[in-house]
Amino acid sequence: MLDNYLPILIFIIIGILVGVGPLVLGYLLGPRRPDAEKDSPYECGFAAFESARLKFDVRYYLVAILFIVFDLEIAFLFPWAVVLDELGMYGFWAMFVFLGILVVGFIYEWKKGALEWE
């Protein structure tokens, strides 16, 4: 009975060896010569000119959230469009209400100035 699980066990062991083996080999065989330059934080090839604790403008997060919302809207439209014939009029009007709510939200954000970037 356990003979059926032997290929799975071998596959798991090989997967772990392929994933962890190079990391362990790199740690054991790699050179260790740390200096101040290597241990310093890397920022685009030049010295940092501001603190890393710099606060972002809240509009950055607002635009990111709006992108996610409208990206998800498109993600929901594709499966709906594929099965539209099977859903009938109920599916059509349900998606119409869904899109209507999203359009109202979009207009609200537009009027509030969330899409304006200075």
PDB file of N, CA and C in Angstrom:
ATOM      1  N   MET A   1       0.808  -1.190   0.000  1.00  0.00           N
ATOM      2  CA  MET A   1       0.000   0.000   0.000  1.00  0.00           C
ATOM      3  C   MET A   1       0.861   1.270   0.000  1.00  0.00           C
ATOM      4  N   LEU A   2       1.927   1.295   0.773  1.00  0.00           N
ATOM      5  CA  LEU A   2       2.781   2.469   0.833  1.00  0.00           C
ATOM      6  C   LEU A   2       3.652   2.619  -0.413  1.00  0.00           C
ATOM      7  N   ASP A   3       3.718   1.600  -1.242  1.00  0.00           N
ATOM      8  CA  ASP A   3       4.512   1.687  -2.479  1.00  0.00           C
ATOM      9  C   ASP A   3       3.963   2.754  -3.422  1.00  0.00           C
ATOM     10  N   ASN A   4       2.675   3.032  -3.338  1.00  0.00           N
ATOM     11  CA  ASN A   4       2.076   4.060  -4.192  1.00  0.00           C
ATOM     12  C   ASN A   4       2.565   5.462  -3.826  1.00  0.00           C
ATOM     13  N   TYR A   5       2.969   5.660  -2.578  1.00  0.00           N
ATOM     14  CA  TYR A   5       3.401   6.973  -2.112  1.00  0.00           C
ATOM     15  C   TYR A   5       4.894   7.206  -2.273  1.00  0.00           C
ATOM     16  N   LEU A   6       5.646   6.189  -2.645  1.00  0.00           N
ATOM     17  CA  LEU A   6       7.094   6.334  -2.812  1.00  0.00           C
ATOM     18  C   LEU A   6       7.463   7.359  -3.884  1.00  0.00           C
ATOM     19  N   PRO A   7       6.834   7.379  -5.068  1.00  0.00           N
ATOM     20  CA  PRO A   7       7.178   8.427  -6.044  1.00  0.00           C
ATOM     21  C   PRO A   7       6.892   9.843  -5.522  1.00  0.00           C
ATOM     22  N   ILE A   8       5.818   9.990  -4.747  1.00  0.00           N
ATOM     23  CA  ILE A   8       5.503  11.306  -4.192  1.00  0.00           C
ATOM     24  C   ILE A   8       6.556  11.721  -3.189  1.00  0.00           C
ATOM     25  N   LEU A   9       6.993  10.798  -2.345  1.00  0.00           N
ATOM     26  CA  LEU A   9       8.043  11.083  -1.371  1.00  0.00           C
ATOM     27  C   LEU A   9       9.348  11.451  -2.058  1.00  0.00           C
ATOM     28  N   ILE A  10       9.694  10.728  -3.103  1.00  0.00           N
ATOM     29  CA  ILE A  10      10.916  11.037  -3.860  1.00  0.00           C
ATOM     30  C   ILE A  10      10.797  12.414  -4.505  1.00  0.00           C
ATOM     31  N   PHE A  11       9.640  12.726  -5.052  1.00  0.00           N
ATOM     32  CA  PHE A  11       9.424  14.039  -5.670  1.00  0.00           C
ATOM     33  C   PHE A  11       9.568  15.167  -4.650  1.00  0.00           C
ATOM     34  N   ILE A  12       9.012  14.983  -3.450  1.00  0.00           N
ATOM     35  CA  ILE A  12       9.124  16.005  -2.403  1.00  0.00           C
ATOM     36  C   ILE A  12      10.569  16.185  -1.974  1.00  0.00           C
ATOM     37  N   ILE A  13      11.295  15.096  -1.811  1.00  0.00           N
ATOM     38  CA  ILE A  13      12.707  15.180  -1.401  1.00  0.00           C
ATOM     39  C   ILE A  13      13.532  15.887  -2.468  1.00  0.00           C
ATOM     40  N   ILE A  14      13.320  15.539  -3.727  1.00  0.00           N
ATOM     41  CA  ILE A  14      14.060  16.197  -4.810  1.00  0.00           C
ATOM     42  C   ILE A  14      13.705  17.682  -4.870  1.00  0.00           C
ATOM     43  N   GLY A  15      12.437  18.008  -4.696  1.00  0.00           N
ATOM     44  CA  GLY A  15      12.015  19.413  -4.692  1.00  0.00           C
ATOM     45  C   GLY A  15      12.677  20.204  -3.579  1.00  0.00           C
ATOM     46  N   ILE A  16      12.749  19.619  -2.399  1.00  0.00           N
ATOM     47  CA  ILE A  16      13.414  20.300  -1.281  1.00  0.00           C
ATOM     48  C   ILE A  16      14.902  20.458  -1.561  1.00  0.00           C
ATOM     49  N   LEU A  17      15.530  19.428  -2.106  1.00  0.00           N
ATOM     50  CA  LEU A  17      16.964  19.516  -2.420  1.00  0.00           C
ATOM     51  C   LEU A  17      17.241  20.574  -3.486  1.00  0.00           C
ATOM     52  N   VAL A  18      16.381  20.659  -4.495  1.00  0.00           N
ATOM     53  CA  VAL A  18      16.577  21.657  -5.554  1.00  0.00           C
ATOM     54  C   VAL A  18      16.343  23.068  -5.011  1.00  0.00           C
ATOM     55  N   GLY A  19      15.412  23.222  -4.088  1.00  0.00           N
ATOM     56  CA  GLY A  19      15.126  24.540  -3.540  1.00  0.00           C
ATOM     57  C   GLY A  19      16.108  24.990  -2.477  1.00  0.00           C
ATOM     58  N   VAL A  20      16.502  24.079  -1.587  1.00  0.00           N
ATOM     59  CA  VAL A  20      17.344  24.447  -0.458  1.00  0.00           C
ATOM     60  C   VAL A  20      18.819  24.187  -0.747  1.00  0.00           C
ATOM     61  N   GLY A  21      19.102  23.209  -1.587  1.00  0.00           N
ATOM     62  CA  GLY A  21      20.491  22.834  -1.865  1.00  0.00           C
ATOM     63  C   GLY A  21      21.367  23.981  -2.342  1.00  0.00           C
ATOM     64  N   PRO A  22      20.980  24.740  -3.374  1.00  0.00           N
ATOM     65  CA  PRO A  22      21.815  25.853  -3.815  1.00  0.00           C
ATOM     66  C   PRO A  22      22.010  26.924  -2.749  1.00  0.00           C
ATOM     67  N   LEU A  23      21.012  27.152  -1.918  1.00  0.00           N
ATOM     68  CA  LEU A  23      21.166  28.132  -0.846  1.00  0.00           C
ATOM     69  C   LEU A  23      22.213  27.688   0.164  1.00  0.00           C
ATOM     70  N   VAL A  24      22.143  26.423   0.541  1.00  0.00           N
ATOM     71  CA  VAL A  24      23.114  25.894   1.500  1.00  0.00           C
ATOM     72  C   VAL A  24      24.505  25.869   0.883  1.00  0.00           C
ATOM     73  N   LEU A  25      24.622  25.446  -0.379  1.00  0.00           N
ATOM     74  CA  LEU A  25      25.932  25.437  -1.046  1.00  0.00           C
ATOM     75  C   LEU A  25      26.511  26.843  -1.166  1.00  0.00           C
ATOM     76  N   GLY A  26      25.686  27.810  -1.503  1.00  0.00           N
ATOM     77  CA  GLY A  26      26.163  29.182  -1.591  1.00  0.00           C
ATOM     78  C   GLY A  26      26.635  29.710  -0.251  1.00  0.00           C
ATOM     79  N   TYR A  27      25.929  29.346   0.804  1.00  0.00           N
ATOM     80  CA  TYR A  27      26.332  29.793   2.140  1.00  0.00           C
ATOM     81  C   TYR A  27      27.645  29.134   2.562  1.00  0.00           C
ATOM     82  N   LEU A  28      27.788  27.836   2.262  1.00  0.00           N
ATOM     83  CA  LEU A  28      28.995  27.114   2.685  1.00  0.00           C
ATOM     84  C   LEU A  28      30.209  27.447   1.825  1.00  0.00           C
ATOM     85  N   LEU A  29      30.037  27.594   0.510  1.00  0.00           N
ATOM     86  CA  LEU A  29      31.168  27.767  -0.390  1.00  0.00           C
ATOM     87  C   LEU A  29      31.441  29.225  -0.760  1.00  0.00           C
ATOM     88  N   GLY A  30      30.490  30.123  -0.499  1.00  0.00           N
ATOM     89  CA  GLY A  30      30.646  31.513  -0.903  1.00  0.00           C
ATOM     90  C   GLY A  30      31.645  32.263  -0.030  1.00  0.00           C
ATOM     91  N   PRO A  31      32.296  33.267  -0.603  1.00  0.00           N
ATOM     92  CA  PRO A  31      33.244  34.055   0.179  1.00  0.00           C
ATOM     93  C   PRO A  31      32.512  34.956   1.179  1.00  0.00           C
ATOM     94  N   ARG A  32      33.158  35.161   2.301  1.00  0.00           N
ATOM     95  CA  ARG A  32      32.604  36.045   3.334  1.00  0.00           C
ATOM     96  C   ARG A  32      33.620  37.147   3.615  1.00  0.00           C
ATOM     97  N   ARG A  33      33.481  38.239   2.885  1.00  0.00           N
ATOM     98  CA  ARG A  33      34.375  39.381   3.087  1.00  0.00           C
ATOM     99  C   ARG A  33      33.540  40.652   3.211  1.00  0.00           C
ATOM    100  N   PRO A  34      32.787  40.792   4.308  1.00  0.00           N
ATOM    101  CA  PRO A  34      31.951  41.983   4.440  1.00  0.00           C
ATOM    102  C   PRO A  34      32.790  43.233   4.707  1.00  0.00           C
ATOM    103  N   ASP A  35      32.347  44.340   4.183  1.00  0.00           N
ATOM    104  CA  ASP A  35      32.954  45.625   4.499  1.00  0.00           C
ATOM    105  C   ASP A  35      31.836  46.666   4.594  1.00  0.00           C
ATOM    106  N   ALA A  36      32.185  47.865   4.919  1.00  0.00           N
ATOM    107  CA  ALA A  36      31.177  48.901   5.132  1.00  0.00           C
ATOM    108  C   ALA A  36      30.385  49.192   3.867  1.00  0.00           C
ATOM    109  N   GLU A  37      31.046  49.137   2.717  1.00  0.00           N
ATOM    110  CA  GLU A  37      30.372  49.435   1.449  1.00  0.00           C
ATOM    111  C   GLU A  37      29.341  48.357   1.100  1.00  0.00           C
ATOM    112  N   LYS A  38      29.698  47.086   1.331  1.00  0.00           N
ATOM    113  CA  LYS A  38      28.761  45.999   1.034  1.00  0.00           C
ATOM    114  C   LYS A  38      27.586  45.974   1.996  1.00  0.00           C
ATOM    115  N   ASP A  39      27.808  46.358   3.243  1.00  0.00           N
ATOM    116  CA  ASP A  39      26.743  46.320   4.236  1.00  0.00           C
ATOM    117  C   ASP A  39      25.856  47.561   4.233  1.00  0.00           C
ATOM    118  N   SER A  40      26.215  48.565   3.436  1.00  0.00           N
ATOM    119  CA  SER A  40      25.412  49.782   3.393  1.00  0.00           C
ATOM    120  C   SER A  40      24.160  49.539   2.542  1.00  0.00           C
ATOM    121  N   PRO A  41      23.074  50.251   2.839  1.00  0.00           N
ATOM    122  CA  PRO A  41      21.860  50.074   2.028  1.00  0.00           C
ATOM    123  C   PRO A  41      22.065  50.595   0.619  1.00  0.00           C
ATOM    124  N   TYR A  42      21.544  49.870  -0.345  1.00  0.00           N
ATOM    125  CA  TYR A  42      21.686  50.235  -1.753  1.00  0.00           C
ATOM    126  C   TYR A  42      20.473  51.038  -2.193  1.00  0.00           C
ATOM    127  N   GLU A  43      20.717  52.195  -2.785  1.00  0.00           N
ATOM    128  CA  GLU A  43      19.615  53.021  -3.258  1.00  0.00           C
ATOM    129  C   GLU A  43      19.962  53.584  -4.626  1.00  0.00           C
ATOM    130  N   CYS A  44      19.670  52.837  -5.641  1.00  0.00           N
ATOM    131  CA  CYS A  44      19.779  53.285  -7.024  1.00  0.00           C
ATOM    132  C   CYS A  44      21.196  53.701  -7.431  1.00  0.00           C
ATOM    133  N   GLY A  45      22.194  53.214  -6.784  1.00  0.00           N
ATOM    134  CA  GLY A  45      23.561  53.482  -7.206  1.00  0.00           C
ATOM    135  C   GLY A  45      24.148  54.773  -6.681  1.00  0.00           C
ATOM    136  N   PHE A  46      23.398  55.527  -5.897  1.00  0.00           N
ATOM    137  CA  PHE A  46      23.961  56.736  -5.317  1.00  0.00           C
ATOM    138  C   PHE A  46      23.543  56.840  -3.850  1.00  0.00           C
ATOM    139  N   ALA A  47      24.218  57.681  -3.140  1.00  0.00           N
ATOM    140  CA  ALA A  47      23.967  57.800  -1.708  1.00  0.00           C
ATOM    141  C   ALA A  47      22.548  58.294  -1.450  1.00  0.00           C
ATOM    142  N   ALA A  48      21.970  57.821  -0.365  1.00  0.00           N
ATOM    143  CA  ALA A  48      20.623  58.237   0.009  1.00  0.00           C
ATOM    144  C   ALA A  48      20.629  59.721   0.351  1.00  0.00           C
ATOM    145  N   PHE A  49      19.625  60.439  -0.143  1.00  0.00           N
ATOM    146  CA  PHE A  49      19.577  61.871   0.099  1.00  0.00           C
ATOM    147  C   PHE A  49      18.445  62.257   1.049  1.00  0.00           C
ATOM    148  N   GLU A  50      17.588  61.306   1.418  1.00  0.00           N
ATOM    149  CA  GLU A  50      16.517  61.559   2.363  1.00  0.00           C
ATOM    150  C   GLU A  50      16.377  60.369   3.288  1.00  0.00           C
ATOM    151  N   SER A  51      15.579  60.544   4.301  1.00  0.00           N
ATOM    152  CA  SER A  51      15.338  59.476   5.252  1.00  0.00           C
ATOM    153  C   SER A  51      14.491  58.376   4.607  1.00  0.00           C
ATOM    154  N   ALA A  52      14.699  57.172   5.048  1.00  0.00           N
ATOM    155  CA  ALA A  52      13.889  56.062   4.551  1.00  0.00           C
ATOM    156  C   ALA A  52      12.486  56.089   5.147  1.00  0.00           C
ATOM    157  N   ARG A  53      12.274  56.898   6.151  1.00  0.00           N
ATOM    158  CA  ARG A  53      10.976  57.007   6.819  1.00  0.00           C
ATOM    159  C   ARG A  53      10.124  58.117   6.218  1.00  0.00           C
ATOM    160  N   LEU A  54      10.405  58.498   4.986  1.00  0.00           N
ATOM    161  CA  LEU A  54       9.676  59.550   4.302  1.00  0.00           C
ATOM    162  C   LEU A  54       8.215  59.146   4.130  1.00  0.00           C
ATOM    163  N   LYS A  55       7.296  60.038   4.441  1.00  0.00           N
ATOM    164  CA  LYS A  55       5.873  59.744   4.300  1.00  0.00           C
ATOM    165  C   LYS A  55       5.441  59.995   2.857  1.00  0.00           C
ATOM    166  N   PHE A  56       4.632  59.092   2.345  1.00  0.00           N
ATOM    167  CA  PHE A  56       4.081  59.239   1.009  1.00  0.00           C
ATOM    168  C   PHE A  56       2.801  60.066   1.088  1.00  0.00           C
ATOM    169  N   ASP A  57       2.530  60.759   0.033  1.00  0.00           N
ATOM    170  CA  ASP A  57       1.284  61.500  -0.074  1.00  0.00           C
ATOM    171  C   ASP A  57       0.126  60.505  -0.115  1.00  0.00           C
ATOM    172  N   VAL A  58      -0.957  60.831   0.569  1.00  0.00           N
ATOM    173  CA  VAL A  58      -2.087  59.918   0.646  1.00  0.00           C
ATOM    174  C   VAL A  58      -2.710  59.687  -0.730  1.00  0.00           C
ATOM    175  N   ARG A  59      -2.527  60.604  -1.668  1.00  0.00           N
ATOM    176  CA  ARG A  59      -3.072  60.419  -3.016  1.00  0.00           C
ATOM    177  C   ARG A  59      -2.435  59.238  -3.720  1.00  0.00           C
ATOM    178  N   TYR A  60      -1.183  58.929  -3.380  1.00  0.00           N
ATOM    179  CA  TYR A  60      -0.530  57.757  -3.955  1.00  0.00           C
ATOM    180  C   TYR A  60      -1.320  56.505  -3.614  1.00  0.00           C
ATOM    181  N   TYR A  61      -1.700  56.370  -2.348  1.00  0.00           N
ATOM    182  CA  TYR A  61      -2.462  55.198  -1.923  1.00  0.00           C
ATOM    183  C   TYR A  61      -3.867  55.216  -2.519  1.00  0.00           C
ATOM    184  N   LEU A  62      -4.445  56.387  -2.656  1.00  0.00           N
ATOM    185  CA  LEU A  62      -5.774  56.504  -3.234  1.00  0.00           C
ATOM    186  C   LEU A  62      -5.787  56.030  -4.682  1.00  0.00           C
ATOM    187  N   VAL A  63      -4.782  56.442  -5.442  1.00  0.00           N
ATOM    188  CA  VAL A  63      -4.688  56.001  -6.836  1.00  0.00           C
ATOM    189  C   VAL A  63      -4.463  54.497  -6.899  1.00  0.00           C
ATOM    190  N   ALA A  64      -3.650  53.965  -5.986  1.00  0.00           N
ATOM    191  CA  ALA A  64      -3.407  52.517  -5.964  1.00  0.00           C
ATOM    192  C   ALA A  64      -4.698  51.756  -5.668  1.00  0.00           C
ATOM    193  N   ILE A  65      -5.474  52.232  -4.721  1.00  0.00           N
ATOM    194  CA  ILE A  65      -6.728  51.561  -4.380  1.00  0.00           C
ATOM    195  C   ILE A  65      -7.718  51.657  -5.534  1.00  0.00           C
ATOM    196  N   LEU A  66      -7.772  52.820  -6.174  1.00  0.00           N
ATOM    197  CA  LEU A  66      -8.665  52.961  -7.325  1.00  0.00           C
ATOM    198  C   LEU A  66      -8.259  52.018  -8.451  1.00  0.00           C
ATOM    199  N   PHE A  67      -6.967  51.873  -8.656  1.00  0.00           N
ATOM    200  CA  PHE A  67      -6.509  50.935  -9.684  1.00  0.00           C
ATOM    201  C   PHE A  67      -6.966  49.522  -9.358  1.00  0.00           C
ATOM    202  N   ILE A  68      -6.821  49.121  -8.118  1.00  0.00           N
ATOM    203  CA  ILE A  68      -7.222  47.765  -7.728  1.00  0.00           C
ATOM    204  C   ILE A  68      -8.726  47.574  -7.920  1.00  0.00           C
ATOM    205  N   VAL A  69      -9.512  48.563  -7.517  1.00  0.00           N
ATOM    206  CA  VAL A  69     -10.972  48.450  -7.650  1.00  0.00           C
ATOM    207  C   VAL A  69     -11.369  48.283  -9.113  1.00  0.00           C
ATOM    208  N   PHE A  70     -10.851  49.137  -9.976  1.00  0.00           N
ATOM    209  CA  PHE A  70     -11.268  49.070 -11.372  1.00  0.00           C
ATOM    210  C   PHE A  70     -10.594  47.921 -12.117  1.00  0.00           C
ATOM    211  N   ASP A  71      -9.465  47.463 -11.630  1.00  0.00           N
ATOM    212  CA  ASP A  71      -8.857  46.266 -12.197  1.00  0.00           C
ATOM    213  C   ASP A  71      -9.704  45.047 -11.865  1.00  0.00           C
ATOM    214  N   LEU A  72     -10.209  44.986 -10.647  1.00  0.00           N
ATOM    215  CA  LEU A  72     -11.096  43.882 -10.279  1.00  0.00           C
ATOM    216  C   LEU A  72     -12.403  43.931 -11.052  1.00  0.00           C
ATOM    217  N   GLU A  73     -12.848  45.137 -11.354  1.00  0.00           N
ATOM    218  CA  GLU A  73     -14.056  45.267 -12.170  1.00  0.00           C
ATOM    219  C   GLU A  73     -13.852  44.572 -13.515  1.00  0.00           C
ATOM    220  N   ILE A  74     -12.739  44.818 -14.139  1.00  0.00           N
ATOM    221  CA  ILE A  74     -12.447  44.177 -15.429  1.00  0.00           C
ATOM    222  C   ILE A  74     -12.294  42.673 -15.251  1.00  0.00           C
ATOM    223  N   ALA A  75     -11.701  42.257 -14.145  1.00  0.00           N
ATOM    224  CA  ALA A  75     -11.536  40.818 -13.903  1.00  0.00           C
ATOM    225  C   ALA A  75     -12.889  40.124 -13.757  1.00  0.00           C
ATOM    226  N   PHE A  76     -13.884  40.823 -13.209  1.00  0.00           N
ATOM    227  CA  PHE A  76     -15.216  40.234 -13.092  1.00  0.00           C
ATOM    228  C   PHE A  76     -15.976  40.280 -14.414  1.00  0.00           C
ATOM    229  N   LEU A  77     -15.609  41.170 -15.304  1.00  0.00           N
ATOM    230  CA  LEU A  77     -16.321  41.273 -16.576  1.00  0.00           C
ATOM    231  C   LEU A  77     -16.012  40.112 -17.519  1.00  0.00           C
ATOM    232  N   PHE A  78     -14.798  39.596 -17.501  1.00  0.00           N
ATOM    233  CA  PHE A  78     -14.433  38.529 -18.432  1.00  0.00           C
ATOM    234  C   PHE A  78     -15.244  37.252 -18.220  1.00  0.00           C
ATOM    235  N   PRO A  79     -15.303  36.692 -17.000  1.00  0.00           N
ATOM    236  CA  PRO A  79     -16.115  35.475 -16.853  1.00  0.00           C
ATOM    237  C   PRO A  79     -17.602  35.727 -17.124  1.00  0.00           C
ATOM    238  N   TRP A  80     -18.076  36.915 -16.773  1.00  0.00           N
ATOM    239  CA  TRP A  80     -19.473  37.249 -17.043  1.00  0.00           C
ATOM    240  C   TRP A  80     -19.739  37.261 -18.545  1.00  0.00           C
ATOM    241  N   ALA A  81     -18.818  37.832 -19.309  1.00  0.00           N
ATOM    242  CA  ALA A  81     -19.003  37.906 -20.756  1.00  0.00           C
ATOM    243  C   ALA A  81     -18.975  36.515 -21.391  1.00  0.00           C
ATOM    244  N   VAL A  82     -18.194  35.610 -20.813  1.00  0.00           N
ATOM    245  CA  VAL A  82     -18.091  34.257 -21.378  1.00  0.00           C
ATOM    246  C   VAL A  82     -19.406  33.497 -21.203  1.00  0.00           C
ATOM    247  N   VAL A  83     -20.054  33.655 -20.066  1.00  0.00           N
ATOM    248  CA  VAL A  83     -21.275  32.887 -19.789  1.00  0.00           C
ATOM    249  C   VAL A  83     -22.541  33.734 -19.913  1.00  0.00           C
ATOM    250  N   LEU A  84     -22.484  34.823 -20.622  1.00  0.00           N
ATOM    251  CA  LEU A  84     -23.632  35.724 -20.739  1.00  0.00           C
ATOM    252  C   LEU A  84     -24.852  35.027 -21.340  1.00  0.00           C
ATOM    253  N   ASP A  85     -24.641  34.168 -22.322  1.00  0.00           N
ATOM    254  CA  ASP A  85     -25.774  33.465 -22.943  1.00  0.00           C
ATOM    255  C   ASP A  85     -26.491  32.563 -21.939  1.00  0.00           C
ATOM    256  N   GLU A  86     -25.742  31.945 -21.033  1.00  0.00           N
ATOM    257  CA  GLU A  86     -26.345  31.039 -20.054  1.00  0.00           C
ATOM    258  C   GLU A  86     -27.046  31.794 -18.925  1.00  0.00           C
ATOM    259  N   LEU A  87     -26.633  33.016 -18.657  1.00  0.00           N
ATOM    260  CA  LEU A  87     -27.209  33.778 -17.541  1.00  0.00           C
ATOM    261  C   LEU A  87     -28.546  34.401 -17.889  1.00  0.00           C
ATOM    262  N   GLY A  88     -28.724  34.733 -19.117  1.00  0.00           N
ATOM    263  CA  GLY A  88     -29.980  35.330 -19.536  1.00  0.00           C
ATOM    264  C   GLY A  88     -30.112  36.774 -19.099  1.00  0.00           C
ATOM    265  N   MET A  89     -31.330  37.250 -19.039  1.00  0.00           N
ATOM    266  CA  MET A  89     -31.577  38.653 -18.701  1.00  0.00           C
ATOM    267  C   MET A  89     -31.253  38.962 -17.242  1.00  0.00           C
ATOM    268  N   TYR A  90     -31.453  37.984 -16.341  1.00  0.00           N
ATOM    269  CA  TYR A  90     -31.126  38.212 -14.934  1.00  0.00           C
ATOM    270  C   TYR A  90     -29.637  38.511 -14.774  1.00  0.00           C
ATOM    271  N   GLY A  91     -28.790  37.738 -15.428  1.00  0.00           N
ATOM    272  CA  GLY A  91     -27.347  37.969 -15.371  1.00  0.00           C
ATOM    273  C   GLY A  91     -26.955  39.296 -15.979  1.00  0.00           C
ATOM    274  N   PHE A  92     -27.644  39.655 -17.053  1.00  0.00           N
ATOM    275  CA  PHE A  92     -27.361  40.939 -17.698  1.00  0.00           C
ATOM    276  C   PHE A  92     -27.664  42.091 -16.758  1.00  0.00           C
ATOM    277  N   TRP A  93     -28.844  42.069 -16.123  1.00  0.00           N
ATOM    278  CA  TRP A  93     -29.229  43.173 -15.245  1.00  0.00           C
ATOM    279  C   TRP A  93     -28.431  43.174 -13.944  1.00  0.00           C
ATOM    280  N   ALA A  94     -28.041  42.001 -13.472  1.00  0.00           N
ATOM    281  CA  ALA A  94     -27.194  41.949 -12.271  1.00  0.00           C
ATOM    282  C   ALA A  94     -25.852  42.619 -12.545  1.00  0.00           C
ATOM    283  N   MET A  95     -25.279  42.342 -13.709  1.00  0.00           N
ATOM    284  CA  MET A  95     -24.008  42.975 -14.052  1.00  0.00           C
ATOM    285  C   MET A  95     -24.204  44.452 -14.344  1.00  0.00           C
ATOM    286  N   PHE A  96     -25.346  44.811 -14.873  1.00  0.00           N
ATOM    287  CA  PHE A  96     -25.645  46.225 -15.120  1.00  0.00           C
ATOM    288  C   PHE A  96     -25.688  46.990 -13.796  1.00  0.00           C
ATOM    289  N   VAL A  97     -26.305  46.410 -12.771  1.00  0.00           N
ATOM    290  CA  VAL A  97     -26.339  47.044 -11.452  1.00  0.00           C
ATOM    291  C   VAL A  97     -24.934  47.132 -10.874  1.00  0.00           C
ATOM    292  N   PHE A  98     -24.146  46.054 -11.008  1.00  0.00           N
ATOM    293  CA  PHE A  98     -22.765  46.039 -10.523  1.00  0.00           C
ATOM    294  C   PHE A  98     -21.955  47.148 -11.190  1.00  0.00           C
ATOM    295  N   LEU A  99     -22.044  47.251 -12.494  1.00  0.00           N
ATOM    296  CA  LEU A  99     -21.305  48.297 -13.213  1.00  0.00           C
ATOM    297  C   LEU A  99     -21.836  49.687 -12.868  1.00  0.00           C
ATOM    298  N   GLY A 100     -23.127  49.799 -12.640  1.00  0.00           N
ATOM    299  CA  GLY A 100     -23.695  51.084 -12.245  1.00  0.00           C
ATOM    300  C   GLY A 100     -23.140  51.558 -10.911  1.00  0.00           C
ATOM    301  N   ILE A 101     -23.041  50.655  -9.950  1.00  0.00           N
ATOM    302  CA  ILE A 101     -22.468  51.022  -8.648  1.00  0.00           C
ATOM    303  C   ILE A 101     -21.021  51.451  -8.807  1.00  0.00           C
ATOM    304  N   LEU A 102     -20.264  50.748  -9.623  1.00  0.00           N
ATOM    305  CA  LEU A 102     -18.866  51.120  -9.838  1.00  0.00           C
ATOM    306  C   LEU A 102     -18.739  52.450 -10.570  1.00  0.00           C
ATOM    307  N   VAL A 103     -19.621  52.714 -11.496  1.00  0.00           N
ATOM    308  CA  VAL A 103     -19.579  54.003 -12.208  1.00  0.00           C
ATOM    309  C   VAL A 103     -19.909  55.141 -11.252  1.00  0.00           C
ATOM    310  N   VAL A 104     -20.890  54.931 -10.373  1.00  0.00           N
ATOM    311  CA  VAL A 104     -21.213  55.955  -9.376  1.00  0.00           C
ATOM    312  C   VAL A 104     -20.002  56.208  -8.476  1.00  0.00           C
ATOM    313  N   GLY A 105     -19.315  55.149  -8.060  1.00  0.00           N
ATOM    314  CA  GLY A 105     -18.101  55.315  -7.259  1.00  0.00           C
ATOM    315  C   GLY A 105     -17.013  56.046  -8.020  1.00  0.00           C
ATOM    316  N   PHE A 106     -16.878  55.726  -9.298  1.00  0.00           N
ATOM    317  CA  PHE A 106     -15.878  56.405 -10.132  1.00  0.00           C
ATOM    318  C   PHE A 106     -16.186  57.895 -10.260  1.00  0.00           C
ATOM    319  N   ILE A 107     -17.445  58.228 -10.495  1.00  0.00           N
ATOM    320  CA  ILE A 107     -17.842  59.642 -10.615  1.00  0.00           C
ATOM    321  C   ILE A 107     -17.618  60.365  -9.293  1.00  0.00           C
ATOM    322  N   TYR A 108     -17.926  59.702  -8.182  1.00  0.00           N
ATOM    323  CA  TYR A 108     -17.700  60.298  -6.865  1.00  0.00           C
ATOM    324  C   TYR A 108     -16.221  60.619  -6.659  1.00  0.00           C
ATOM    325  N   GLU A 109     -15.346  59.656  -6.975  1.00  0.00           N
ATOM    326  CA  GLU A 109     -13.901  59.871  -6.822  1.00  0.00           C
ATOM    327  C   GLU A 109     -13.415  60.967  -7.767  1.00  0.00           C
ATOM    328  N   TRP A 110     -13.979  61.026  -8.944  1.00  0.00           N
ATOM    329  CA  TRP A 110     -13.596  62.054  -9.912  1.00  0.00           C
ATOM    330  C   TRP A 110     -13.969  63.437  -9.393  1.00  0.00           C
ATOM    331  N   LYS A 111     -15.200  63.555  -8.861  1.00  0.00           N
ATOM    332  CA  LYS A 111     -15.660  64.846  -8.339  1.00  0.00           C
ATOM    333  C   LYS A 111     -14.879  65.277  -7.105  1.00  0.00           C
ATOM    334  N   LYS A 112     -14.433  64.309  -6.286  1.00  0.00           N
ATOM    335  CA  LYS A 112     -13.662  64.618  -5.093  1.00  0.00           C
ATOM    336  C   LYS A 112     -12.218  64.991  -5.415  1.00  0.00           C
ATOM    337  N   GLY A 113     -11.789  64.774  -6.669  1.00  0.00           N
ATOM    338  CA  GLY A 113     -10.433  65.136  -7.074  1.00  0.00           C
ATOM    339  C   GLY A 113      -9.394  64.066  -6.803  1.00  0.00           C
ATOM    340  N   ALA A 114      -9.825  62.837  -6.578  1.00  0.00           N
ATOM    341  CA  ALA A 114      -8.875  61.764  -6.281  1.00  0.00           C
ATOM    342  C   ALA A 114      -8.030  61.406  -7.487  1.00  0.00           C
ATOM    343  N   LEU A 115      -8.496  61.719  -8.670  1.00  0.00           N
ATOM    344  CA  LEU A 115      -7.751  61.368  -9.873  1.00  0.00           C
ATOM    345  C   LEU A 115      -6.827  62.486 -10.337  1.00  0.00           C
ATOM    346  N   GLU A 116      -6.862  63.620  -9.655  1.00  0.00           N
ATOM    347  CA  GLU A 116      -5.982  64.733 -10.014  1.00  0.00           C
ATOM    348  C   GLU A 116      -4.625  64.542  -9.355  1.00  0.00           C
ATOM    349  N   TRP A 117      -3.586  64.674 -10.108  1.00  0.00           N
ATOM    350  CA  TRP A 117      -2.228  64.522  -9.581  1.00  0.00           C
ATOM    351  C   TRP A 117      -1.451  65.795  -9.890  1.00  0.00           C
ATOM    352  N   GLU A 118      -0.884  66.391  -8.847  1.00  0.00           N
ATOM    353  CA  GLU A 118      -0.166  67.648  -9.019  1.00  0.00           C
ATOM    354  C   GLU A 118       1.315  67.404  -9.191  1.00  0.00           C
TER     355      GLU A 118
END
